[in-house]
Structures are given as C-alpha cells and as structure tokens.
C-alpha cells in the first residue's frame, strides 16, 4: 500500500467520496493530511459551520474512515457513544437566534431540532 502524501485529496481515505469531499472543501479541508490532523469531530464541526446539514451517518462514517474501518462497522455501545458525541457537537454549534419560530417551538415541547 502506498504511503499517504501531504497533498493527497481527502478521497484518498477509505469511505470518503465526492459528496463528502465537496462538503469538506467548503469547510477548507482539502487534503487527507489536514483531515487526519483535525480529527473527525473538528472536521465535522467545520463542515456544519460551513453549511453542511448535520447527519449522524455522515458523522460516524467520518469516524470510521479516519480509523480505516468499513463505514458500517460501527455498532452497539460504540455507535451509542458516537451518537451522544454527535448530539453534543450539534448542540454546541446550534444558534437559537437563527432557528425559525417553528423550530424553537418544537425544541420547547421536547421534540428537538430538525438538524
């Protein structure tokens, strides 16, 4: 297997395809080296901040990709822990002032945000 190069695109990492690469590029993440240096949480947070709609599957796929594992290898307690991390990341990045009145009402009655 060839050694990764500093300028390898993010798609050089298993499980990262063109759609996720485009989301990363909007966040300024264009190389595999930069992605590895950031880590999954910081990278996904940057993607959300840049306009990517948060989705749990994309979040855990990124975690699996950086571990060199198949995207669907996440199960059980590990998946539950990643879900808690994903929810915390979304909550930390949420800006209640930008939520619609409808979303604020849904949050008030406990159904949560749509993100």
Protein backbone atom coordinates (compact mmCIF):
# COMPACT_ATOMS: atom_id res chain seq x y z
CA UNK A 1 0.00 0.00 0.00
CA UNK A 2 1.47 3.40 -0.94
CA UNK A 3 2.32 5.87 1.80
CA UNK A 4 -0.03 8.87 2.06
CA UNK A 5 1.33 12.10 0.66
CA UNK A 6 0.84 15.55 2.18
CA UNK A 7 -1.23 16.66 -0.80
CA UNK A 8 -3.42 13.55 -1.17
CA UNK A 9 -7.09 14.54 -1.58
CA UNK A 10 -9.50 13.61 1.21
CA UNK A 11 -10.91 10.96 -1.14
CA UNK A 12 -7.66 9.03 -0.69
CA UNK A 13 -9.15 7.99 2.67
CA UNK A 14 -11.45 4.96 2.52
CA UNK A 15 -15.20 5.80 2.75
CA UNK A 16 -14.82 9.45 1.70
CA UNK A 17 -16.48 10.01 -1.63
CA UNK A 18 -17.11 13.04 -3.81
CA UNK A 19 -20.12 14.37 -1.87
CA UNK A 20 -18.37 14.35 1.50
CA UNK A 21 -15.21 15.72 -0.15
CA UNK A 22 -17.25 18.64 -1.52
CA UNK A 23 -18.64 19.35 1.96
CA UNK A 24 -15.11 19.25 3.35
CA UNK A 25 -13.81 21.55 0.62
CA UNK A 26 -16.47 24.13 1.56
CA UNK A 27 -15.05 23.92 5.08
CA UNK A 28 -11.49 24.38 3.79
CA UNK A 29 -10.44 20.76 4.29
CA UNK A 30 -8.90 19.60 1.04
CA UNK A 31 -6.17 17.12 1.93
CA UNK A 32 -6.11 13.80 3.73
CA UNK A 33 -3.26 15.07 5.89
CA UNK A 34 -5.28 18.11 7.01
CA UNK A 35 -8.29 15.92 7.76
CA UNK A 36 -6.25 13.48 9.83
CA UNK A 37 -4.65 16.35 11.73
CA UNK A 38 -8.07 17.87 12.56
CA UNK A 39 -9.75 14.66 13.58
CA UNK A 40 -13.33 13.67 12.95
CA UNK A 41 -15.05 15.94 15.48
CA UNK A 42 -13.28 19.15 14.49
CA UNK A 43 -13.67 18.35 10.79
CA UNK A 44 -17.38 17.59 11.09
CA UNK A 45 -17.88 20.73 13.16
CA UNK A 46 -16.15 22.77 10.45
CA UNK A 47 -18.38 21.15 7.83
CA UNK A 48 -21.53 22.05 9.79
CA UNK A 49 -20.30 25.61 10.27
CA UNK A 50 -19.68 25.84 6.52
CA UNK A 51 -23.28 24.82 5.79
CA UNK A 52 -23.35 21.02 5.70
CA UNK A 53 -26.60 19.73 7.13
CA UNK A 54 -25.71 17.56 10.14
CA UNK A 55 -26.46 13.89 9.72
CA UNK A 56 -25.44 11.17 12.14
CA UNK A 57 -24.50 8.67 9.45
CA UNK A 58 -22.07 11.12 7.86
CA UNK A 59 -20.58 11.78 11.28
CA UNK A 60 -19.91 8.17 12.14
CA UNK A 61 -18.77 7.35 8.58
CA UNK A 62 -16.12 10.03 9.03
CA UNK A 63 -15.03 8.46 12.32
CA UNK A 64 -14.81 5.03 10.69
CA UNK A 65 -12.92 6.47 7.70
CA UNK A 66 -10.24 8.01 9.88
CA UNK A 67 -9.85 4.67 11.66
CA UNK A 68 -9.52 2.82 8.35
CA UNK A 69 -12.65 0.79 9.08
CA UNK A 70 -15.65 -0.03 6.87
CA UNK A 71 -18.33 2.64 7.19
CA UNK A 72 -20.87 0.15 8.58
CA UNK A 73 -18.53 -1.29 11.22
CA UNK A 74 -19.91 0.97 13.95
CA UNK A 75 -22.31 -0.91 16.21
CA UNK A 76 -23.65 -1.23 19.74
CA UNK A 77 -22.08 0.79 22.54
CA UNK A 78 -19.58 2.42 20.19
CA UNK A 79 -22.41 3.69 17.98
CA UNK A 80 -24.36 4.92 21.02
CA UNK A 81 -21.29 6.82 22.26
CA UNK A 82 -20.78 8.38 18.84
CA UNK A 83 -24.47 9.38 18.81
CA UNK A 84 -24.02 11.18 22.12
CA UNK A 85 -20.92 12.94 20.74
CA UNK A 86 -22.80 13.90 17.56
CA UNK A 87 -25.72 15.34 19.54
CA UNK A 88 -23.31 17.31 21.76
CA UNK A 89 -21.50 18.68 18.69
CA UNK A 90 -24.77 19.79 17.11
CA UNK A 91 -25.91 21.39 20.35
CA UNK A 92 -22.61 23.25 20.72
CA UNK A 93 -22.92 24.64 17.20
CA UNK A 94 -26.64 25.44 17.34
CA UNK A 95 -27.55 29.11 17.23
CA UNK A 96 -31.02 29.52 18.73
CA UNK A 97 -31.22 33.05 17.35
CA UNK A 98 -31.16 31.65 13.81
CA UNK A 99 -33.81 29.00 14.42
CA UNK A 100 -37.23 29.57 12.98
CA UNK A 101 -40.08 30.14 15.42
CA UNK A 102 -41.41 26.71 14.46
CA UNK A 103 -38.11 25.00 15.33
CA UNK A 104 -37.89 26.90 18.63
CA UNK A 105 -41.41 25.71 19.49
CA UNK A 106 -40.52 22.10 18.64
CA UNK A 107 -37.48 22.39 20.88
CA UNK A 108 -39.59 23.83 23.70
CA UNK A 109 -42.01 20.90 23.63
CA UNK A 110 -39.17 18.42 23.58
CA UNK A 111 -39.16 17.10 20.04
CA UNK A 112 -35.76 18.57 19.33
CA UNK A 113 -34.35 20.41 16.39
CA UNK A 114 -34.64 19.09 12.83
CA UNK A 115 -30.84 19.22 12.29
